[in-house]
Amino acid sequence: MTSPADPATSASSQPVTPAVRGALTRYRVIAYVVGVMLLLLVFVAMPLKYFADSPGAVNVIGPLHGFLYMVYLLATFDLFRRVRWSFPRLIMMALAGTIPFLSFYAERKTTHELLGH
C-alpha cells in the first residue's frame, strides 16, 4: 500500500522549498499574463491591423507583450535554476510563451509536477 502524497514534496521526491514555491508563483503569474497578452495580440490586435486597417492595438499590445515575454523568460530561468531541470526543458518552457494557449498548458503541467495538483 502506498502512502498519500505529501503536498510539501514534488513529484520527483524533492522537497518544495519556499524559494522554489516563490519562483513557481512568479512563473505562474507571468505565464498567465503573457498568455493573455499573446491571445490579445494574435486574435484581436492583428486582425484589427490587417482587416480593419487599424494598427493602434498592435502598436500598444505588441511591445507590451514583448516586454512581458522578457519578464516571463526571467521567471522561467529562475524556476529552472532553482529546480535544476534539464536545458531542453528550459527551452520548451521558454517557447511556451510564443505559441497561443501553450503557456497555460506549460504552467499547469509545471505546477502539477512540482506540487502534485
PDB file of N, CA and C in Angstrom:
ATOM      1  N   MET A   1       0.829  -1.172   0.000  1.00  0.00           N
ATOM      2  CA  MET A   1       0.000   0.000   0.000  1.00  0.00           C
ATOM      3  C   MET A   1       0.877   1.240   0.000  1.00  0.00           C
ATOM      4  N   THR A   2       0.484   2.230  -0.741  1.00  0.00           N
ATOM      5  CA  THR A   2       1.283   3.444  -0.826  1.00  0.00           C
ATOM      6  C   THR A   2       0.712   4.494   0.108  1.00  0.00           C
ATOM      7  N   SER A   3       1.574   5.364   0.577  1.00  0.00           N
ATOM      8  CA  SER A   3       1.123   6.444   1.448  1.00  0.00           C
ATOM      9  C   SER A   3       0.657   7.612   0.591  1.00  0.00           C
ATOM     10  N   PRO A   4      -0.243   8.429   1.127  1.00  0.00           N
ATOM     11  CA  PRO A   4      -0.700   9.587   0.351  1.00  0.00           C
ATOM     12  C   PRO A   4       0.454  10.539   0.087  1.00  0.00           C
ATOM     13  N   ALA A   5       0.351  11.244  -1.024  1.00  0.00           N
ATOM     14  CA  ALA A   5       1.409  12.183  -1.414  1.00  0.00           C
ATOM     15  C   ALA A   5       1.471  13.336  -0.430  1.00  0.00           C
ATOM     16  N   ASP A   6       2.674  13.688  -0.063  1.00  0.00           N
ATOM     17  CA  ASP A   6       2.899  14.826   0.816  1.00  0.00           C
ATOM     18  C   ASP A   6       2.912  16.093  -0.035  1.00  0.00           C
ATOM     19  N   PRO A   7       2.024  17.064   0.221  1.00  0.00           N
ATOM     20  CA  PRO A   7       1.999  18.267  -0.617  1.00  0.00           C
ATOM     21  C   PRO A   7       3.262  19.101  -0.524  1.00  0.00           C
ATOM     22  N   ALA A   8       4.101  18.833   0.450  1.00  0.00           N
ATOM     23  CA  ALA A   8       5.335  19.614   0.584  1.00  0.00           C
ATOM     24  C   ALA A   8       6.476  19.039  -0.243  1.00  0.00           C
ATOM     25  N   THR A   9       6.230  17.954  -0.971  1.00  0.00           N
ATOM     26  CA  THR A   9       7.265  17.375  -1.813  1.00  0.00           C
ATOM     27  C   THR A   9       6.798  17.355  -3.252  1.00  0.00           C
ATOM     28  N   SER A  10       7.744  17.377  -4.166  1.00  0.00           N
ATOM     29  CA  SER A  10       7.423  17.376  -5.581  1.00  0.00           C
ATOM     30  C   SER A  10       7.268  15.955  -6.073  1.00  0.00           C
ATOM     31  N   ALA A  11       6.885  15.821  -7.331  1.00  0.00           N
ATOM     32  CA  ALA A  11       6.726  14.512  -7.939  1.00  0.00           C
ATOM     33  C   ALA A  11       8.049  13.768  -7.997  1.00  0.00           C
ATOM     34  N   SER A  12       9.153  14.487  -8.004  1.00  0.00           N
ATOM     35  CA  SER A  12      10.463  13.850  -8.053  1.00  0.00           C
ATOM     36  C   SER A  12      11.010  13.581  -6.656  1.00  0.00           C
ATOM     37  N   SER A  13      10.171  13.649  -5.615  1.00  0.00           N
ATOM     38  CA  SER A  13      10.507  13.357  -4.229  1.00  0.00           C
ATOM     39  C   SER A  13      11.467  14.368  -3.603  1.00  0.00           C
ATOM     40  N   GLN A  14      11.669  15.500  -4.228  1.00  0.00           N
ATOM     41  CA  GLN A  14      12.456  16.556  -3.625  1.00  0.00           C
ATOM     42  C   GLN A  14      11.506  17.507  -2.913  1.00  0.00           C
ATOM     43  N   PRO A  15      11.885  17.988  -1.738  1.00  0.00           N
ATOM     44  CA  PRO A  15      11.006  18.932  -1.061  1.00  0.00           C
ATOM     45  C   PRO A  15      10.887  20.238  -1.844  1.00  0.00           C
ATOM     46  N   VAL A  16       9.707  20.793  -1.823  1.00  0.00           N
ATOM     47  CA  VAL A  16       9.482  22.085  -2.475  1.00  0.00           C
ATOM     48  C   VAL A  16       9.802  23.155  -1.433  1.00  0.00           C
ATOM     49  N   THR A  17      10.925  23.782  -1.592  1.00  0.00           N
ATOM     50  CA  THR A  17      11.384  24.792  -0.639  1.00  0.00           C
ATOM     51  C   THR A  17      10.595  26.087  -0.827  1.00  0.00           C
ATOM     52  N   PRO A  18      10.633  26.968   0.154  1.00  0.00           N
ATOM     53  CA  PRO A  18       9.973  28.271  -0.021  1.00  0.00           C
ATOM     54  C   PRO A  18      10.510  29.036  -1.236  1.00  0.00           C
ATOM     55  N   ALA A  19      11.796  28.895  -1.521  1.00  0.00           N
ATOM     56  CA  ALA A  19      12.367  29.585  -2.686  1.00  0.00           C
ATOM     57  C   ALA A  19      11.777  29.041  -3.983  1.00  0.00           C
ATOM     58  N   VAL A  20      11.623  27.728  -4.075  1.00  0.00           N
ATOM     59  CA  VAL A  20      11.018  27.116  -5.271  1.00  0.00           C
ATOM     60  C   VAL A  20       9.555  27.511  -5.358  1.00  0.00           C
ATOM     61  N   ARG A  21       8.866  27.506  -4.225  1.00  0.00           N
ATOM     62  CA  ARG A  21       7.446  27.878  -4.219  1.00  0.00           C
ATOM     63  C   ARG A  21       7.273  29.327  -4.678  1.00  0.00           C
ATOM     64  N   GLY A  22       8.143  30.228  -4.237  1.00  0.00           N
ATOM     65  CA  GLY A  22       8.078  31.622  -4.669  1.00  0.00           C
ATOM     66  C   GLY A  22       8.361  31.773  -6.152  1.00  0.00           C
ATOM     67  N   ALA A  23       9.376  31.047  -6.642  1.00  0.00           N
ATOM     68  CA  ALA A  23       9.699  31.087  -8.075  1.00  0.00           C
ATOM     69  C   ALA A  23       8.547  30.527  -8.901  1.00  0.00           C
ATOM     70  N   LEU A  24       7.908  29.476  -8.393  1.00  0.00           N
ATOM     71  CA  LEU A  24       6.761  28.894  -9.095  1.00  0.00           C
ATOM     72  C   LEU A  24       5.603  29.880  -9.149  1.00  0.00           C
ATOM     73  N   THR A  25       5.348  30.563  -8.066  1.00  0.00           N
ATOM     74  CA  THR A  25       4.268  31.556  -8.044  1.00  0.00           C
ATOM     75  C   THR A  25       4.532  32.672  -9.051  1.00  0.00           C
ATOM     76  N   ARG A  26       5.761  33.165  -9.064  1.00  0.00           N
ATOM     77  CA  ARG A  26       6.106  34.214 -10.044  1.00  0.00           C
ATOM     78  C   ARG A  26       5.934  33.700 -11.466  1.00  0.00           C
ATOM     79  N   TYR A  27       6.401  32.476 -11.710  1.00  0.00           N
ATOM     80  CA  TYR A  27       6.274  31.873 -13.040  1.00  0.00           C
ATOM     81  C   TYR A  27       4.804  31.724 -13.432  1.00  0.00           C
ATOM     82  N   ARG A  28       3.983  31.247 -12.513  1.00  0.00           N
ATOM     83  CA  ARG A  28       2.564  31.042 -12.822  1.00  0.00           C
ATOM     84  C   ARG A  28       1.878  32.347 -13.194  1.00  0.00           C
ATOM     85  N   VAL A  29       2.138  33.400 -12.429  1.00  0.00           N
ATOM     86  CA  VAL A  29       1.505  34.695 -12.698  1.00  0.00           C
ATOM     87  C   VAL A  29       1.928  35.216 -14.069  1.00  0.00           C
ATOM     88  N   ILE A  30       3.220  35.230 -14.334  1.00  0.00           N
ATOM     89  CA  ILE A  30       3.677  35.796 -15.602  1.00  0.00           C
ATOM     90  C   ILE A  30       3.292  34.901 -16.773  1.00  0.00           C
ATOM     91  N   ALA A  31       3.187  33.594 -16.574  1.00  0.00           N
ATOM     92  CA  ALA A  31       2.745  32.705 -17.657  1.00  0.00           C
ATOM     93  C   ALA A  31       1.320  33.051 -18.076  1.00  0.00           C
ATOM     94  N   TYR A  32       0.448  33.308 -17.104  1.00  0.00           N
ATOM     95  CA  TYR A  32      -0.923  33.692 -17.437  1.00  0.00           C
ATOM     96  C   TYR A  32      -0.971  35.062 -18.103  1.00  0.00           C
ATOM     97  N   VAL A  33      -0.220  36.015 -17.582  1.00  0.00           N
ATOM     98  CA  VAL A  33      -0.223  37.363 -18.157  1.00  0.00           C
ATOM     99  C   VAL A  33       0.286  37.330 -19.599  1.00  0.00           C
ATOM    100  N   VAL A  34       1.402  36.642 -19.833  1.00  0.00           N
ATOM    101  CA  VAL A  34       1.953  36.552 -21.186  1.00  0.00           C
ATOM    102  C   VAL A  34       0.992  35.799 -22.113  1.00  0.00           C
ATOM    103  N   GLY A  35       0.364  34.759 -21.594  1.00  0.00           N
ATOM    104  CA  GLY A  35      -0.603  34.011 -22.399  1.00  0.00           C
ATOM    105  C   GLY A  35      -1.783  34.871 -22.834  1.00  0.00           C
ATOM    106  N   VAL A  36      -2.317  35.644 -21.910  1.00  0.00           N
ATOM    107  CA  VAL A  36      -3.446  36.532 -22.240  1.00  0.00           C
ATOM    108  C   VAL A  36      -3.003  37.611 -23.218  1.00  0.00           C
ATOM    109  N   MET A  37      -1.836  38.198 -22.991  1.00  0.00           N
ATOM    110  CA  MET A  37      -1.347  39.230 -23.900  1.00  0.00           C
ATOM    111  C   MET A  37      -1.126  38.674 -25.307  1.00  0.00           C
ATOM    112  N   LEU A  38      -0.608  37.457 -25.392  1.00  0.00           N
ATOM    113  CA  LEU A  38      -0.398  36.847 -26.711  1.00  0.00           C
ATOM    114  C   LEU A  38      -1.729  36.582 -27.406  1.00  0.00           C
ATOM    115  N   LEU A  39      -2.722  36.121 -26.653  1.00  0.00           N
ATOM    116  CA  LEU A  39      -4.045  35.906 -27.250  1.00  0.00           C
ATOM    117  C   LEU A  39      -4.642  37.222 -27.741  1.00  0.00           C
ATOM    118  N   LEU A  40      -4.497  38.284 -26.950  1.00  0.00           N
ATOM    119  CA  LEU A  40      -4.987  39.595 -27.397  1.00  0.00           C
ATOM    120  C   LEU A  40      -4.262  40.057 -28.654  1.00  0.00           C
ATOM    121  N   LEU A  41      -2.970  39.831 -28.694  1.00  0.00           N
ATOM    122  CA  LEU A  41      -2.178  40.247 -29.855  1.00  0.00           C
ATOM    123  C   LEU A  41      -2.598  39.486 -31.104  1.00  0.00           C
ATOM    124  N   VAL A  42      -2.698  38.170 -30.988  1.00  0.00           N
ATOM    125  CA  VAL A  42      -2.970  37.335 -32.163  1.00  0.00           C
ATOM    126  C   VAL A  42      -4.429  37.396 -32.607  1.00  0.00           C
ATOM    127  N   PHE A  43      -5.353  37.400 -31.649  1.00  0.00           N
ATOM    128  CA  PHE A  43      -6.767  37.276 -32.014  1.00  0.00           C
ATOM    129  C   PHE A  43      -7.546  38.588 -32.008  1.00  0.00           C
ATOM    130  N   VAL A  44      -6.957  39.665 -31.495  1.00  0.00           N
ATOM    131  CA  VAL A  44      -7.642  40.957 -31.510  1.00  0.00           C
ATOM    132  C   VAL A  44      -6.824  41.985 -32.283  1.00  0.00           C
ATOM    133  N   ALA A  45      -5.611  42.228 -31.838  1.00  0.00           N
ATOM    134  CA  ALA A  45      -4.818  43.312 -32.416  1.00  0.00           C
ATOM    135  C   ALA A  45      -4.416  43.045 -33.860  1.00  0.00           C
ATOM    136  N   MET A  46      -3.940  41.849 -34.150  1.00  0.00           N
ATOM    137  CA  MET A  46      -3.515  41.546 -35.523  1.00  0.00           C
ATOM    138  C   MET A  46      -4.689  41.587 -36.512  1.00  0.00           C
ATOM    139  N   PRO A  47      -5.839  40.982 -36.196  1.00  0.00           N
ATOM    140  CA  PRO A  47      -6.971  41.134 -37.127  1.00  0.00           C
ATOM    141  C   PRO A  47      -7.396  42.592 -37.311  1.00  0.00           C
ATOM    142  N   LEU A  48      -7.345  43.377 -36.238  1.00  0.00           N
ATOM    143  CA  LEU A  48      -7.677  44.797 -36.390  1.00  0.00           C
ATOM    144  C   LEU A  48      -6.701  45.487 -37.333  1.00  0.00           C
ATOM    145  N   LYS A  49      -5.432  45.135 -37.214  1.00  0.00           N
ATOM    146  CA  LYS A  49      -4.428  45.768 -38.065  1.00  0.00           C
ATOM    147  C   LYS A  49      -4.633  45.392 -39.524  1.00  0.00           C
ATOM    148  N   TYR A  50      -4.843  44.122 -39.797  1.00  0.00           N
ATOM    149  CA  TYR A  50      -4.866  43.670 -41.192  1.00  0.00           C
ATOM    150  C   TYR A  50      -6.246  43.688 -41.839  1.00  0.00           C
ATOM    151  N   PHE A  51      -7.313  43.593 -41.062  1.00  0.00           N
ATOM    152  CA  PHE A  51      -8.646  43.575 -41.660  1.00  0.00           C
ATOM    153  C   PHE A  51      -9.395  44.896 -41.515  1.00  0.00           C
ATOM    154  N   ALA A  52      -9.034  45.682 -40.499  1.00  0.00           N
ATOM    155  CA  ALA A  52      -9.713  46.961 -40.277  1.00  0.00           C
ATOM    156  C   ALA A  52      -8.776  48.144 -40.485  1.00  0.00           C
ATOM    157  N   ASP A  53      -7.561  47.872 -40.928  1.00  0.00           N
ATOM    158  CA  ASP A  53      -6.562  48.916 -41.160  1.00  0.00           C
ATOM    159  C   ASP A  53      -6.420  49.840 -39.946  1.00  0.00           C
ATOM    160  N   SER A  54      -6.353  49.193 -38.766  1.00  0.00           N
ATOM    161  CA  SER A  54      -6.235  49.931 -37.515  1.00  0.00           C
ATOM    162  C   SER A  54      -5.075  49.353 -36.705  1.00  0.00           C
ATOM    163  N   PRO A  55      -3.859  49.889 -36.897  1.00  0.00           N
ATOM    164  CA  PRO A  55      -2.689  49.319 -36.235  1.00  0.00           C
ATOM    165  C   PRO A  55      -2.481  49.762 -34.784  1.00  0.00           C
ATOM    166  N   GLY A  56      -3.365  50.570 -34.247  1.00  0.00           N
ATOM    167  CA  GLY A  56      -3.182  51.105 -32.900  1.00  0.00           C
ATOM    168  C   GLY A  56      -3.021  50.036 -31.832  1.00  0.00           C
ATOM    169  N   ALA A  57      -3.847  48.991 -31.873  1.00  0.00           N
ATOM    170  CA  ALA A  57      -3.778  47.936 -30.855  1.00  0.00           C
ATOM    171  C   ALA A  57      -2.451  47.181 -30.939  1.00  0.00           C
ATOM    172  N   VAL A  58      -1.979  46.919 -32.154  1.00  0.00           N
ATOM    173  CA  VAL A  58      -0.699  46.229 -32.315  1.00  0.00           C
ATOM    174  C   VAL A  58       0.431  47.091 -31.786  1.00  0.00           C
ATOM    175  N   ASN A  59       0.336  48.397 -32.009  1.00  0.00           N
ATOM    176  CA  ASN A  59       1.375  49.311 -31.547  1.00  0.00           C
ATOM    177  C   ASN A  59       1.471  49.379 -30.023  1.00  0.00           C
ATOM    178  N   VAL A  60       0.387  49.043 -29.333  1.00  0.00           N
ATOM    179  CA  VAL A  60       0.392  49.041 -27.868  1.00  0.00           C
ATOM    180  C   VAL A  60       0.658  47.633 -27.328  1.00  0.00           C
ATOM    181  N   ILE A  61      -0.109  46.662 -27.793  1.00  0.00           N
ATOM    182  CA  ILE A  61      -0.035  45.301 -27.254  1.00  0.00           C
ATOM    183  C   ILE A  61       1.260  44.594 -27.666  1.00  0.00           C
ATOM    184  N   GLY A  62       1.737  44.837 -28.882  1.00  0.00           N
ATOM    185  CA  GLY A  62       2.957  44.182 -29.354  1.00  0.00           C
ATOM    186  C   GLY A  62       4.166  44.450 -28.474  1.00  0.00           C
ATOM    187  N   PRO A  63       4.531  45.711 -28.263  1.00  0.00           N
ATOM    188  CA  PRO A  63       5.680  45.989 -27.389  1.00  0.00           C
ATOM    189  C   PRO A  63       5.445  45.561 -25.935  1.00  0.00           C
ATOM    190  N   LEU A  64       4.205  45.693 -25.467  1.00  0.00           N
ATOM    191  CA  LEU A  64       3.894  45.269 -24.099  1.00  0.00           C
ATOM    192  C   LEU A  64       4.096  43.763 -23.947  1.00  0.00           C
ATOM    193  N   HIS A  65       3.612  43.002 -24.929  1.00  0.00           N
ATOM    194  CA  HIS A  65       3.826  41.555 -24.898  1.00  0.00           C
ATOM    195  C   HIS A  65       5.322  41.239 -24.965  1.00  0.00           C
ATOM    196  N   GLY A  66       6.062  41.956 -25.795  1.00  0.00           N
ATOM    197  CA  GLY A  66       7.497  41.732 -25.896  1.00  0.00           C
ATOM    198  C   GLY A  66       8.212  41.960 -24.574  1.00  0.00           C
ATOM    199  N   PHE A  67       7.870  43.044 -23.889  1.00  0.00           N
ATOM    200  CA  PHE A  67       8.467  43.319 -22.583  1.00  0.00           C
ATOM    201  C   PHE A  67       8.085  42.240 -21.573  1.00  0.00           C
ATOM    202  N   LEU A  68       6.803  41.896 -21.537  1.00  0.00           N
ATOM    203  CA  LEU A  68       6.347  40.880 -20.582  1.00  0.00           C
ATOM    204  C   LEU A  68       6.927  39.513 -20.897  1.00  0.00           C
ATOM    205  N   TYR A  69       7.180  39.240 -22.166  1.00  0.00           N
ATOM    206  CA  TYR A  69       7.812  37.969 -22.520  1.00  0.00           C
ATOM    207  C   TYR A  69       9.236  37.908 -21.956  1.00  0.00           C
ATOM    208  N   MET A  70       9.933  39.031 -21.948  1.00  0.00           N
ATOM    209  CA  MET A  70      11.265  39.058 -21.338  1.00  0.00           C
ATOM    210  C   MET A  70      11.175  38.760 -19.836  1.00  0.00           C
ATOM    211  N   VAL A  71      10.162  39.308 -19.172  1.00  0.00           N
ATOM    212  CA  VAL A  71       9.941  39.012 -17.752  1.00  0.00           C
ATOM    213  C   VAL A  71       9.617  37.523 -17.585  1.00  0.00           C
ATOM    214  N   TYR A  72       8.807  36.978 -18.496  1.00  0.00           N
ATOM    215  CA  TYR A  72       8.476  35.545 -18.480  1.00  0.00           C
ATOM    216  C   TYR A  72       9.744  34.706 -18.606  1.00  0.00           C
ATOM    217  N   LEU A  73      10.655  35.101 -19.499  1.00  0.00           N
ATOM    218  CA  LEU A  73      11.910  34.363 -19.653  1.00  0.00           C
ATOM    219  C   LEU A  73      12.733  34.388 -18.363  1.00  0.00           C
ATOM    220  N   LEU A  74      12.770  35.531 -17.704  1.00  0.00           N
ATOM    221  CA  LEU A  74      13.496  35.628 -16.433  1.00  0.00           C
ATOM    222  C   LEU A  74      12.865  34.729 -15.368  1.00  0.00           C
ATOM    223  N   ALA A  75      11.546  34.745 -15.274  1.00  0.00           N
ATOM    224  CA  ALA A  75      10.856  33.906 -14.291  1.00  0.00           C
ATOM    225  C   ALA A  75      11.048  32.428 -14.612  1.00  0.00           C
ATOM    226  N   THR A  76      11.028  32.084 -15.900  1.00  0.00           N
ATOM    227  CA  THR A  76      11.243  30.702 -16.320  1.00  0.00           C
ATOM    228  C   THR A  76      12.656  30.257 -15.959  1.00  0.00           C
ATOM    229  N   PHE A  77      13.630  31.112 -16.230  1.00  0.00           N
ATOM    230  CA  PHE A  77      15.012  30.770 -15.904  1.00  0.00           C
ATOM    231  C   PHE A  77      15.211  30.641 -14.399  1.00  0.00           C
ATOM    232  N   ASP A  78      14.580  31.519 -13.633  1.00  0.00           N
ATOM    233  CA  ASP A  78      14.691  31.447 -12.180  1.00  0.00           C
ATOM    234  C   ASP A  78      14.144  30.119 -11.661  1.00  0.00           C
ATOM    235  N   LEU A  79      12.983  29.713 -12.143  1.00  0.00           N
ATOM    236  CA  LEU A  79      12.402  28.434 -11.719  1.00  0.00           C
ATOM    237  C   LEU A  79      13.285  27.272 -12.170  1.00  0.00           C
ATOM    238  N   PHE A  80      13.740  27.312 -13.403  1.00  0.00           N
ATOM    239  CA  PHE A  80      14.629  26.276 -13.949  1.00  0.00           C
ATOM    240  C   PHE A  80      15.882  26.120 -13.079  1.00  0.00           C
ATOM    241  N   ARG A  81      16.474  27.234 -12.688  1.00  0.00           N
ATOM    242  CA  ARG A  81      17.690  27.223 -11.884  1.00  0.00           C
ATOM    243  C   ARG A  81      17.444  26.639 -10.495  1.00  0.00           C
ATOM    244  N   ARG A  82      16.323  26.983  -9.909  1.00  0.00           N
ATOM    245  CA  ARG A  82      16.034  26.507  -8.553  1.00  0.00           C
ATOM    246  C   ARG A  82      15.657  25.022  -8.522  1.00  0.00           C
ATOM    247  N   VAL A  83      14.968  24.556  -9.564  1.00  0.00           N
ATOM    248  CA  VAL A  83      14.519  23.160  -9.592  1.00  0.00           C
ATOM    249  C   VAL A  83      15.574  22.255 -10.232  1.00  0.00           C
ATOM    250  N   ARG A  84      16.488  22.846 -10.990  1.00  0.00           N
ATOM    251  CA  ARG A  84      17.571  22.117 -11.665  1.00  0.00           C
ATOM    252  C   ARG A  84      17.037  21.145 -12.718  1.00  0.00           C
ATOM    253  N   TRP A  85      16.165  21.660 -13.578  1.00  0.00           N
ATOM    254  CA  TRP A  85      15.654  20.873 -14.686  1.00  0.00           C
ATOM    255  C   TRP A  85      16.688  20.830 -15.802  1.00  0.00           C
ATOM    256  N   SER A  86      16.413  20.024 -16.815  1.00  0.00           N
ATOM    257  CA  SER A  86      17.322  19.903 -17.954  1.00  0.00           C
ATOM    258  C   SER A  86      17.202  21.139 -18.854  1.00  0.00           C
ATOM    259  N   PHE A  87      18.250  21.373 -19.646  1.00  0.00           N
ATOM    260  CA  PHE A  87      18.253  22.507 -20.574  1.00  0.00           C
ATOM    261  C   PHE A  87      17.137  22.392 -21.617  1.00  0.00           C
ATOM    262  N   PRO A  88      16.871  21.207 -22.191  1.00  0.00           N
ATOM    263  CA  PRO A  88      15.738  21.119 -23.129  1.00  0.00           C
ATOM    264  C   PRO A  88      14.402  21.504 -22.494  1.00  0.00           C
ATOM    265  N   ARG A  89      14.248  21.222 -21.214  1.00  0.00           N
ATOM    266  CA  ARG A  89      13.025  21.613 -20.512  1.00  0.00           C
ATOM    267  C   ARG A  89      12.932  23.137 -20.442  1.00  0.00           C
ATOM    268  N   LEU A  90      14.044  23.797 -20.177  1.00  0.00           N
ATOM    269  CA  LEU A  90      14.072  25.256 -20.155  1.00  0.00           C
ATOM    270  C   LEU A  90      13.662  25.819 -21.510  1.00  0.00           C
ATOM    271  N   ILE A  91      14.197  25.267 -22.576  1.00  0.00           N
ATOM    272  CA  ILE A  91      13.873  25.747 -23.927  1.00  0.00           C
ATOM    273  C   ILE A  91      12.387  25.567 -24.215  1.00  0.00           C
ATOM    274  N   MET A  92      11.834  24.419 -23.859  1.00  0.00           N
ATOM    275  CA  MET A  92      10.410  24.168 -24.113  1.00  0.00           C
ATOM    276  C   MET A  92       9.533  25.134 -23.309  1.00  0.00           C
ATOM    277  N   MET A  93       9.895  25.378 -22.069  1.00  0.00           N
ATOM    278  CA  MET A  93       9.127  26.311 -21.245  1.00  0.00           C
ATOM    279  C   MET A  93       9.244  27.731 -21.798  1.00  0.00           C
ATOM    280  N   ALA A  94      10.417  28.105 -22.274  1.00  0.00           N
ATOM    281  CA  ALA A  94      10.613  29.446 -22.833  1.00  0.00           C
ATOM    282  C   ALA A  94       9.786  29.629 -24.109  1.00  0.00           C
ATOM    283  N   LEU A  95       9.755  28.610 -24.944  1.00  0.00           N
ATOM    284  CA  LEU A  95       8.982  28.698 -26.188  1.00  0.00           C
ATOM    285  C   LEU A  95       7.474  28.706 -25.948  1.00  0.00           C
ATOM    286  N   ALA A  96       7.050  28.237 -24.793  1.00  0.00           N
ATOM    287  CA  ALA A  96       5.612  28.205 -24.491  1.00  0.00           C
ATOM    288  C   ALA A  96       4.993  29.600 -24.493  1.00  0.00           C
ATOM    289  N   GLY A  97       5.787  30.619 -24.271  1.00  0.00           N
ATOM    290  CA  GLY A  97       5.267  31.987 -24.284  1.00  0.00           C
ATOM    291  C   GLY A  97       5.113  32.577 -25.666  1.00  0.00           C
ATOM    292  N   THR A  98       5.446  31.801 -26.700  1.00  0.00           N
ATOM    293  CA  THR A  98       5.365  32.312 -28.070  1.00  0.00           C
ATOM    294  C   THR A  98       4.253  31.669 -28.885  1.00  0.00           C
ATOM    295  N   ILE A  99       3.607  30.659 -28.346  1.00  0.00           N
ATOM    296  CA  ILE A  99       2.552  29.943 -29.065  1.00  0.00           C
ATOM    297  C   ILE A  99       1.249  30.111 -28.291  1.00  0.00           C
ATOM    298  N   PRO A 100       0.197  30.627 -28.954  1.00  0.00           N
ATOM    299  CA  PRO A 100      -1.065  30.852 -28.240  1.00  0.00           C
ATOM    300  C   PRO A 100      -1.541  29.594 -27.506  1.00  0.00           C
ATOM    301  N   PHE A 101      -1.995  29.775 -26.287  1.00  0.00           N
ATOM    302  CA  PHE A 101      -2.536  28.759 -25.381  1.00  0.00           C
ATOM    303  C   PHE A 101      -1.473  27.862 -24.750  1.00  0.00           C
ATOM    304  N   LEU A 102      -0.269  27.791 -25.295  1.00  0.00           N
ATOM    305  CA  LEU A 102       0.730  26.864 -24.776  1.00  0.00           C
ATOM    306  C   LEU A 102       1.263  27.283 -23.405  1.00  0.00           C
ATOM    307  N   SER A 103       1.300  28.564 -23.113  1.00  0.00           N
ATOM    308  CA  SER A 103       1.793  28.984 -21.794  1.00  0.00           C
ATOM    309  C   SER A 103       0.857  28.505 -20.684  1.00  0.00           C
ATOM    310  N   PHE A 104      -0.449  28.430 -20.979  1.00  0.00           N
ATOM    311  CA  PHE A 104      -1.407  27.933 -19.993  1.00  0.00           C
ATOM    312  C   PHE A 104      -1.162  26.450 -19.706  1.00  0.00           C
ATOM    313  N   TYR A 105      -0.930  25.689 -20.767  1.00  0.00           N
ATOM    314  CA  TYR A 105      -0.652  24.259 -20.625  1.00  0.00           C
ATOM    315  C   TYR A 105       0.663  24.032 -19.872  1.00  0.00           C
ATOM    316  N   ALA A 106       1.697  24.771 -20.242  1.00  0.00           N
ATOM    317  CA  ALA A 106       3.002  24.613 -19.595  1.00  0.00           C
ATOM    318  C   ALA A 106       2.919  24.970 -18.113  1.00  0.00           C
ATOM    319  N   GLU A 107       2.172  26.000 -17.798  1.00  0.00           N
ATOM    320  CA  GLU A 107       2.017  26.402 -16.395  1.00  0.00           C
ATOM    321  C   GLU A 107       1.324  25.305 -15.604  1.00  0.00           C
ATOM    322  N   ARG A 108       0.258  24.744 -16.136  1.00  0.00           N
ATOM    323  CA  ARG A 108      -0.474  23.689 -15.417  1.00  0.00           C
ATOM    324  C   ARG A 108       0.398  22.454 -15.243  1.00  0.00           C
ATOM    325  N   LYS A 109       1.105  22.078 -16.288  1.00  0.00           N
ATOM    326  CA  LYS A 109       1.962  20.895 -16.215  1.00  0.00           C
ATOM    327  C   LYS A 109       3.078  21.100 -15.188  1.00  0.00           C
ATOM    328  N   THR A 110       3.689  22.259 -15.196  1.00  0.00           N
ATOM    329  CA  THR A 110       4.764  22.569 -14.256  1.00  0.00           C
ATOM    330  C   THR A 110       4.252  22.562 -12.818  1.00  0.00           C
ATOM    331  N   THR A 111       3.120  23.208 -12.596  1.00  0.00           N
ATOM    332  CA  THR A 111       2.537  23.245 -11.257  1.00  0.00           C
ATOM    333  C   THR A 111       2.193  21.847 -10.775  1.00  0.00           C
ATOM    334  N   HIS A 112       1.586  21.068 -11.644  1.00  0.00           N
ATOM    335  CA  HIS A 112       1.216  19.704 -11.277  1.00  0.00           C
ATOM    336  C   HIS A 112       2.456  18.870 -10.938  1.00  0.00           C
ATOM    337  N   GLU A 113       3.506  19.050 -11.712  1.00  0.00           N
ATOM    338  CA  GLU A 113       4.732  18.293 -11.467  1.00  0.00           C
ATOM    339  C   GLU A 113       5.371  18.667 -10.132  1.00  0.00           C
ATOM    340  N   LEU A 114       5.376  19.955  -9.820  1.00  0.00           N
ATOM    341  CA  LEU A 114       6.049  20.392  -8.590  1.00  0.00           C
ATOM    342  C   LEU A 114       5.194  20.217  -7.344  1.00  0.00           C
ATOM    343  N   LEU A 115       3.899  20.510  -7.457  1.00  0.00           N
ATOM    344  CA  LEU A 115       3.041  20.484  -6.283  1.00  0.00           C
ATOM    345  C   LEU A 115       2.094  19.289  -6.226  1.00  0.00           C
ATOM    346  N   GLY A 116       1.934  18.607  -7.331  1.00  0.00           N
ATOM    347  CA  GLY A 116       1.057  17.443  -7.358  1.00  0.00           C
ATOM    348  C   GLY A 116      -0.424  17.774  -7.429  1.00  0.00           C
ATOM    349  N   HIS A 117      -0.767  19.020  -7.840  1.00  0.00           N
ATOM    350  CA  HIS A 117      -2.191  19.343  -8.054  1.00  0.00           C
ATOM    351  C   HIS A 117      -2.385  20.242  -9.219  1.00  0.00           C
TER     352      HIS A 117
END
